[in-house]
C-alpha atoms as a PDB file:
ATOM      1  CA  UNK A   1     -17.117   0.274 -17.745  1.00  0.00           C
ATOM      2  CA  UNK A   2     -17.564   1.204 -14.345  1.00  0.00           C
ATOM      3  CA  UNK A   3     -15.610   4.121 -12.808  1.00  0.00           C
ATOM      4  CA  UNK A   4     -13.426   2.215 -10.567  1.00  0.00           C
ATOM      5  CA  UNK A   5     -12.966  -0.568 -12.369  1.00  0.00           C
ATOM      6  CA  UNK A   6      -9.270  -1.907 -14.050  1.00  0.00           C
ATOM      7  CA  UNK A   7      -9.606  -3.792 -17.292  1.00  0.00           C
ATOM      8  CA  UNK A   8      -6.864  -5.316 -19.042  1.00  0.00           C
ATOM      9  CA  UNK A   9      -6.676  -4.932 -23.099  1.00  0.00           C
ATOM     10  CA  UNK A  10      -4.298  -8.128 -24.207  1.00  0.00           C
ATOM     11  CA  UNK A  11      -3.549 -11.340 -26.269  1.00  0.00           C
ATOM     12  CA  UNK A  12      -2.739 -14.708 -24.706  1.00  0.00           C
ATOM     13  CA  UNK A  13       0.583 -15.741 -25.688  1.00  0.00           C
ATOM     14  CA  UNK A  14       2.304 -11.841 -25.530  1.00  0.00           C
ATOM     15  CA  UNK A  15       4.762 -12.030 -22.769  1.00  0.00           C
ATOM     16  CA  UNK A  16       4.187  -8.028 -23.142  1.00  0.00           C
ATOM     17  CA  UNK A  17       0.633  -9.153 -21.599  1.00  0.00           C
ATOM     18  CA  UNK A  18       1.272 -11.634 -18.939  1.00  0.00           C
ATOM     19  CA  UNK A  19       3.687  -8.979 -16.839  1.00  0.00           C
ATOM     20  CA  UNK A  20       0.839  -7.796 -16.382  1.00  0.00           C
ATOM     21  CA  UNK A  21      -0.749  -9.988 -15.416  1.00  0.00           C
ATOM     22  CA  UNK A  22       1.575 -11.524 -12.878  1.00  0.00           C
ATOM     23  CA  UNK A  23       1.683  -8.065 -11.334  1.00  0.00           C
ATOM     24  CA  UNK A  24      -1.936  -7.496 -11.396  1.00  0.00           C
ATOM     25  CA  UNK A  25      -1.820 -10.715  -8.852  1.00  0.00           C
ATOM     26  CA  UNK A  26       0.628  -9.949  -7.565  1.00  0.00           C
ATOM     27  CA  UNK A  27      -1.396  -6.892  -5.961  1.00  0.00           C
ATOM     28  CA  UNK A  28      -4.459  -8.764  -5.487  1.00  0.00           C
ATOM     29  CA  UNK A  29      -6.206  -6.448  -7.666  1.00  0.00           C
ATOM     30  CA  UNK A  30      -9.990  -7.871  -9.547  1.00  0.00           C
ATOM     31  CA  UNK A  31      -9.339  -6.901 -12.878  1.00  0.00           C
ATOM     32  CA  UNK A  32     -11.641  -7.664 -16.581  1.00  0.00           C
ATOM     33  CA  UNK A  33      -9.495  -9.370 -18.647  1.00  0.00           C
ATOM     34  CA  UNK A  34     -10.902  -8.805 -22.719  1.00  0.00           C
ATOM     35  CA  UNK A  35      -8.614 -10.641 -25.188  1.00  0.00           C
ATOM     36  CA  UNK A  36      -8.141  -8.657 -28.123  1.00  0.00           C
ATOM     37  CA  UNK A  37      -7.876 -10.374 -31.700  1.00  0.00           C
ATOM     38  CA  UNK A  38      -4.870  -8.076 -33.170  1.00  0.00           C
ATOM     39  CA  UNK A  39      -5.786  -9.330 -36.879  1.00  0.00           C
ATOM     40  CA  UNK A  40      -8.574  -6.724 -36.440  1.00  0.00           C
ATOM     41  CA  UNK A  41      -8.513  -4.662 -33.398  1.00  0.00           C
ATOM     42  CA  UNK A  42     -11.536  -3.876 -31.581  1.00  0.00           C
ATOM     43  CA  UNK A  43     -12.980  -0.164 -31.095  1.00  0.00           C
ATOM     44  CA  UNK A  44     -12.343   0.049 -27.355  1.00  0.00           C
ATOM     45  CA  UNK A  45      -8.405  -0.855 -28.239  1.00  0.00           C
ATOM     46  CA  UNK A  46      -8.196   1.066 -30.620  1.00  0.00           C
ATOM     47  CA  UNK A  47      -9.679   4.107 -28.590  1.00  0.00           C
ATOM     48  CA  UNK A  48      -7.602   3.299 -25.913  1.00  0.00           C
ATOM     49  CA  UNK A  49      -4.682   3.088 -28.314  1.00  0.00           C
ATOM     50  CA  UNK A  50      -4.887   5.076 -30.835  1.00  0.00           C
ATOM     51  CA  UNK A  51      -1.334   5.753 -31.780  1.00  0.00           C
ATOM     52  CA  UNK A  52       0.454   1.939 -31.311  1.00  0.00           C
ATOM     53  CA  UNK A  53      -2.850  -0.124 -31.500  1.00  0.00           C
ATOM     54  CA  UNK A  54      -1.314  -2.739 -29.658  1.00  0.00           C
ATOM     55  CA  UNK A  55      -1.410  -4.496 -25.862  1.00  0.00           C
ATOM     56  CA  UNK A  56      -1.037  -4.313 -22.824  1.00  0.00           C
ATOM     57  CA  UNK A  57      -2.998  -1.911 -22.228  1.00  0.00           C
ATOM     58  CA  UNK A  58      -4.434  -1.443 -18.703  1.00  0.00           C
ATOM     59  CA  UNK A  59      -7.840   0.560 -17.955  1.00  0.00           C
ATOM     60  CA  UNK A  60      -8.312   2.248 -14.773  1.00  0.00           C
ATOM     61  CA  UNK A  61     -10.906   4.419 -14.034  1.00  0.00           C
ATOM     62  CA  UNK A  62     -11.415   4.945 -17.945  1.00  0.00           C
ATOM     63  CA  UNK A  63      -8.163   6.381 -18.238  1.00  0.00           C
ATOM     64  CA  UNK A  64      -5.638   4.491 -20.442  1.00  0.00           C
ATOM     65  CA  UNK A  65      -1.627   3.220 -19.565  1.00  0.00           C
ATOM     66  CA  UNK A  66      -0.110   1.451 -22.016  1.00  0.00           C
ATOM     67  CA  UNK A  67       3.611  -0.185 -22.381  1.00  0.00           C
ATOM     68  CA  UNK A  68       3.661  -3.099 -19.818  1.00  0.00           C
ATOM     69  CA  UNK A  69       6.580  -1.392 -18.024  1.00  0.00           C
ATOM     70  CA  UNK A  70       4.585   1.185 -17.749  1.00  0.00           C
ATOM     71  CA  UNK A  71       1.515  -0.304 -16.722  1.00  0.00           C
ATOM     72  CA  UNK A  72       3.760  -2.713 -14.244  1.00  0.00           C
ATOM     73  CA  UNK A  73       5.474   0.546 -12.463  1.00  0.00           C
ATOM     74  CA  UNK A  74       1.698   2.353 -12.375  1.00  0.00           C
ATOM     75  CA  UNK A  75       0.121  -0.563 -10.512  1.00  0.00           C
ATOM     76  CA  UNK A  76       2.987  -0.370  -7.990  1.00  0.00           C
ATOM     77  CA  UNK A  77       2.714   2.427  -7.034  1.00  0.00           C
ATOM     78  CA  UNK A  78      -1.157   3.306  -7.376  1.00  0.00           C
ATOM     79  CA  UNK A  79      -2.386  -0.075  -5.556  1.00  0.00           C
ATOM     80  CA  UNK A  80       0.517  -0.017  -2.578  1.00  0.00           C
ATOM     81  CA  UNK A  81      -0.816   0.042   0.480  1.00  0.00           C
ATOM     82  CA  UNK A  82       1.513   2.474   2.268  1.00  0.00           C
ATOM     83  CA  UNK A  83      -0.041   4.899  -1.243  1.00  0.00           C
ATOM     84  CA  UNK A  84      -3.201   4.101  -0.421  1.00  0.00           C
ATOM     85  CA  UNK A  85      -2.950   4.630   3.878  1.00  0.00           C
ATOM     86  CA  UNK A  86      -2.446   8.433   2.269  1.00  0.00           C
ATOM     87  CA  UNK A  87      -4.733   8.193  -0.738  1.00  0.00           C
ATOM     88  CA  UNK A  88      -7.951   7.564   0.857  1.00  0.00           C
ATOM     89  CA  UNK A  89     -10.324   7.321   3.819  1.00  0.00           C
ATOM     90  CA  UNK A  90     -12.142   5.926   6.274  1.00  0.00           C
ATOM     91  CA  UNK A  91     -12.512   1.923   6.219  1.00  0.00           C
ATOM     92  CA  UNK A  92     -10.332   2.137   2.620  1.00  0.00           C
ATOM     93  CA  UNK A  93      -7.317   3.884   4.653  1.00  0.00           C
ATOM     94  CA  UNK A  94      -8.002   1.806   7.829  1.00  0.00           C
ATOM     95  CA  UNK A  95      -7.896  -2.183   5.575  1.00  0.00           C
ATOM     96  CA  UNK A  96      -4.746   0.016   3.907  1.00  0.00           C
ATOM     97  CA  UNK A  97      -2.794   0.379   7.170  1.00  0.00           C
ATOM     98  CA  UNK A  98      -3.131  -3.357   8.275  1.00  0.00           C
ATOM     99  CA  UNK A  99      -1.627  -4.288   4.844  1.00  0.00           C
ATOM    100  CA  UNK A 100       0.985  -2.226   5.041  1.00  0.00           C
ATOM    101  CA  UNK A 101       1.469  -2.972   8.660  1.00  0.00           C
ATOM    102  CA  UNK A 102       1.732  -7.053   7.480  1.00  0.00           C
ATOM    103  CA  UNK A 103       3.680  -6.080   4.520  1.00  0.00           C
ATOM    104  CA  UNK A 104       6.463  -4.635   7.264  1.00  0.00           C
ATOM    105  CA  UNK A 105       6.417  -7.770   9.260  1.00  0.00           C
ATOM    106  CA  UNK A 106       7.005 -10.103   6.539  1.00  0.00           C
ATOM    107  CA  UNK A 107       9.710  -7.648   4.989  1.00  0.00           C
ATOM    108  CA  UNK A 108      11.672  -7.471   9.228  1.00  0.00           C
ATOM    109  CA  UNK A 109      11.094 -10.955   9.921  1.00  0.00           C
ATOM    110  CA  UNK A 110      13.010 -11.697   6.374  1.00  0.00           C
ATOM    111  CA  UNK A 111      15.570  -8.782   7.839  1.00  0.00           C
ATOM    112  CA  UNK A 112      15.987 -10.133  10.774  1.00  0.00           C
ATOM    113  CA  UNK A 113      19.196  -9.596  12.533  1.00  0.00           C
ATOM    114  CA  UNK A 114      20.930  -9.320   9.117  1.00  0.00           C
ATOM    115  CA  UNK A 115      22.398  -5.665   8.989  1.00  0.00           C
ATOM    116  CA  UNK A 116      21.500  -5.793   5.245  1.00  0.00           C
ATOM    117  CA  UNK A 117      18.400  -7.575   2.919  1.00  0.00           C
ATOM    118  CA  UNK A 118      21.231  -9.675   0.994  1.00  0.00           C
ATOM    119  CA  UNK A 119      23.613 -10.348   4.093  1.00  0.00           C
ATOM    120  CA  UNK A 120      25.756  -9.294   6.202  1.00  0.00           C
ATOM    121  CA  UNK A 121      27.296  -6.877   3.173  1.00  0.00           C
ATOM    122  CA  UNK A 122      25.238  -3.655   0.823  1.00  0.00           C
ATOM    123  CA  UNK A 123      24.329  -4.901  -2.348  1.00  0.00           C
ATOM    124  CA  UNK A 124      21.829  -4.344  -5.264  1.00  0.00           C
ATOM    125  CA  UNK A 125      19.369  -5.607  -2.744  1.00  0.00           C
END
């Protein structure tokens, strides 16, 4: 497993695993998918989640993240273009800046002349 590689230990019918797969797809993150057999758990799963021995488990830079909501939060924070503008350097930082600016343009286009994202009144959005 390479140091920068992203690996997802998953089971196809798991809704919790699907939540993580959707988050990875939305961020366009390349990852290796390893389908687990929960009847005969792999040594990798037992090593990465020794307490609960469940999926999903996201492995990033050799470190495991468990529990689907925590994984989705991690994906959002670590792979966010705004964070990458200050956490990286060189070409990767320039690409992150461009991606972040494009995201802001999309958001600005959606807001338009409205006072708030959801309309003219303050709301949950």
